[in-house]
Amino acid sequence: MNDFDPDGTPGAEAPTGNLLLNLIDVDESMPSFQALPAGIYDCEVLEVGYAPSAAGNPMITWQFQVLSDEPSLKNRRLFYHTVLNKPAGLARLKRLLVRILPEVDLANFNPDKFALEGTAIGKRCKVKISTRPDQNDKTKKRNDVVDVMAAAETSDFIDEIK
């Protein structure tokens, strides 16, 4: 038996047999999300992946889930990329690890092993985001993760970006 969910529910298995779909009545428009207001959000790490960026550089991709009971925020996801071929990316990675995973061995950090082991999954944190115009549609806004902090950390970030 296969519990595949076409909406991509975490934990669902991909089909392995002869999958048949009726696409006649499927709405072709892609779902859209309003950008979250700039600020700091309580989150937890949902996924961590290690793979080359589009330019071929080593990169860790982080997916955070917003923790809120407010319907407009519930289960929203934020994405963050730490590219590991430049000092700024390494600094962002180290700052994130020290803040939310202080037990990680910084002297022998293996990004592939780290992502595969899932050490960060479920870790609580605060995520600072800003907003900017979407490069493809200037009438829409997008979120950018600016920083990731320890769950108990506070900041004057909201005042800085207004």
Protein backbone atom coordinates (compact mmCIF):
# COMPACT_ATOMS: atom_id res chain seq x y z
CA MET A 1 0.00 0.00 0.00
CA ASN A 2 1.25 3.46 -0.85
CA ASP A 3 0.39 6.58 1.16
CA PHE A 4 1.59 9.02 -1.51
CA ASP A 5 0.09 12.48 -1.12
CA PRO A 6 0.29 14.60 -4.30
CA ASP A 7 0.38 17.76 -2.14
CA GLY A 8 3.83 16.72 -0.92
CA THR A 9 2.92 15.96 2.66
CA PRO A 10 6.15 15.18 4.54
CA GLY A 11 6.57 11.47 5.13
CA ALA A 12 4.49 10.43 2.14
CA GLU A 13 6.12 7.87 -0.13
CA ALA A 14 6.51 8.52 -3.83
CA PRO A 15 4.61 6.06 -6.04
CA THR A 16 6.61 3.21 -7.49
CA GLY A 17 4.04 1.62 -9.80
CA ASN A 18 1.85 2.69 -12.68
CA LEU A 19 0.54 6.01 -11.39
CA LEU A 20 -2.40 7.41 -13.36
CA LEU A 21 -3.62 10.96 -12.78
CA ASN A 22 -6.69 12.72 -14.13
CA LEU A 23 -5.41 16.24 -14.84
CA ILE A 24 -8.48 17.48 -16.72
CA ASP A 25 -9.91 19.53 -13.81
CA VAL A 26 -6.58 20.60 -12.27
CA ASP A 27 -6.16 24.37 -11.93
CA GLU A 28 -3.01 25.32 -13.89
CA SER A 29 -2.22 28.40 -11.82
CA MET A 30 0.54 27.97 -9.30
CA PRO A 31 -0.32 28.59 -5.67
CA SER A 32 0.96 31.92 -4.43
CA PHE A 33 1.83 33.13 -0.98
CA GLN A 34 1.89 36.62 0.38
CA ALA A 35 5.28 37.58 1.73
CA LEU A 36 5.42 37.62 5.50
CA PRO A 37 5.91 41.03 7.09
CA ALA A 38 9.54 41.82 7.90
CA GLY A 39 10.40 40.79 11.43
CA ILE A 40 11.56 37.98 13.66
CA TYR A 41 9.69 34.65 13.70
CA ASP A 42 9.90 31.66 16.01
CA CYS A 43 10.78 28.69 13.83
CA GLU A 44 12.17 25.20 13.81
CA VAL A 45 14.49 23.60 11.30
CA LEU A 46 12.37 21.44 9.03
CA GLU A 47 14.93 20.29 6.45
CA VAL A 48 18.65 20.61 5.71
CA GLY A 49 20.21 19.63 2.42
CA TYR A 50 23.69 19.72 0.95
CA ALA A 51 24.13 20.05 -2.81
CA PRO A 52 25.80 22.30 -5.36
CA SER A 53 24.22 25.68 -6.04
CA ALA A 54 23.07 26.56 -9.57
CA ALA A 55 26.59 27.94 -10.12
CA GLY A 56 28.13 24.67 -8.92
CA ASN A 57 29.31 25.92 -5.53
CA PRO A 58 28.90 23.80 -2.37
CA MET A 59 25.77 24.92 -0.52
CA ILE A 60 23.66 24.00 2.49
CA THR A 61 19.95 24.67 2.02
CA TRP A 62 17.92 25.26 5.16
CA GLN A 63 14.14 25.09 5.40
CA PHE A 64 12.50 26.61 8.48
CA GLN A 65 8.88 26.22 9.53
CA VAL A 66 7.24 29.17 11.28
CA LEU A 67 5.82 28.16 14.67
CA SER A 68 2.58 30.03 15.17
CA ASP A 69 -1.09 29.31 15.77
CA GLU A 70 -2.05 32.38 13.74
CA PRO A 71 -3.69 31.07 10.54
CA SER A 72 -1.73 33.38 8.20
CA LEU A 73 1.57 32.18 9.72
CA LYS A 74 0.84 28.56 10.59
CA ASN A 75 3.17 26.15 8.78
CA ARG A 76 4.71 28.85 6.58
CA ARG A 77 8.21 28.01 5.43
CA LEU A 78 11.30 30.12 5.03
CA PHE A 79 14.35 29.15 2.99
CA TYR A 80 17.99 30.04 3.64
CA HIS A 81 21.11 29.13 1.69
CA THR A 82 24.67 29.09 2.97
CA VAL A 83 27.10 28.91 0.05
CA LEU A 84 30.40 27.52 1.26
CA ASN A 85 32.94 28.87 -1.23
CA LYS A 86 33.25 32.44 0.11
CA PRO A 87 34.11 33.93 3.50
CA ALA A 88 30.65 35.53 3.93
CA GLY A 89 28.89 32.18 3.45
CA LEU A 90 31.25 30.43 5.85
CA ALA A 91 30.71 33.19 8.42
CA ARG A 92 26.90 32.85 8.10
CA LEU A 93 27.16 29.08 8.52
CA LYS A 94 29.41 29.32 11.58
CA ARG A 95 27.16 31.96 13.20
CA LEU A 96 24.08 29.78 12.61
CA LEU A 97 25.77 26.64 13.98
CA VAL A 98 27.12 28.38 17.09
CA ARG A 99 23.69 29.83 17.82
CA ILE A 100 21.40 26.84 17.31
CA LEU A 101 23.74 23.81 17.29
CA PRO A 102 26.60 24.67 19.66
CA GLU A 103 27.46 20.98 20.04
CA VAL A 104 28.60 20.69 16.39
CA ASP A 105 32.35 20.15 15.92
CA LEU A 106 33.43 23.28 14.04
CA ALA A 107 36.97 21.96 13.54
CA ASN A 108 35.81 18.89 11.57
CA PHE A 109 32.54 20.00 10.00
CA ASN A 110 31.41 17.81 7.09
CA PRO A 111 28.39 19.50 5.42
CA ASP A 112 27.27 16.37 3.56
CA LYS A 113 27.35 14.20 6.69
CA PHE A 114 25.68 16.98 8.70
CA ALA A 115 22.77 17.19 6.26
CA LEU A 116 22.39 13.40 5.98
CA GLU A 117 22.42 12.85 9.76
CA GLY A 118 19.62 15.40 10.27
CA THR A 119 21.28 16.83 13.38
CA ALA A 120 19.56 20.19 12.91
CA ILE A 121 16.04 18.88 12.23
CA GLY A 122 13.62 20.05 14.91
CA LYS A 123 15.98 22.63 16.43
CA ARG A 124 14.15 25.76 17.51
CA CYS A 125 15.42 29.17 16.46
CA LYS A 126 14.38 32.70 15.59
CA VAL A 127 14.57 33.74 11.95
CA LYS A 128 14.92 37.39 10.89
CA ILE A 129 13.37 38.20 7.55
CA SER A 130 13.12 41.23 5.34
CA THR A 131 10.99 41.83 2.26
CA ARG A 132 11.94 42.91 -1.26
CA PRO A 133 10.20 43.19 -4.62
CA ASP A 134 10.02 39.94 -6.59
CA GLN A 135 12.47 40.16 -9.49
CA ASN A 136 9.94 38.59 -11.91
CA ASP A 137 6.86 40.51 -10.76
CA LYS A 138 7.54 43.89 -9.13
CA THR A 139 3.95 44.04 -7.84
CA LYS A 140 4.70 41.13 -5.49
CA LYS A 141 7.06 40.90 -2.54
CA ARG A 142 9.44 38.12 -1.50
CA ASN A 143 11.02 37.28 1.82
CA ASP A 144 14.73 37.06 2.45
CA VAL A 145 16.16 35.37 5.53
CA VAL A 146 18.62 37.89 6.93
CA ASP A 147 19.80 35.98 9.99
CA VAL A 148 19.14 32.95 12.17
CA MET A 149 19.37 33.31 15.94
CA ALA A 150 19.09 31.08 18.98
CA ALA A 151 15.51 30.48 20.10
CA ALA A 152 15.98 32.64 23.21
CA GLU A 153 17.87 35.46 21.47
CA THR A 154 16.27 38.86 20.98
CA SER A 155 17.16 41.70 18.65
CA ASP A 156 16.35 45.26 17.64
CA PHE A 157 16.08 43.99 14.05
CA ILE A 158 12.44 45.03 13.60
CA ASP A 159 13.33 48.68 14.28
CA GLU A 160 16.34 48.45 11.95
CA ILE A 161 14.33 47.41 8.90
CA LYS A 162 11.33 49.73 9.20
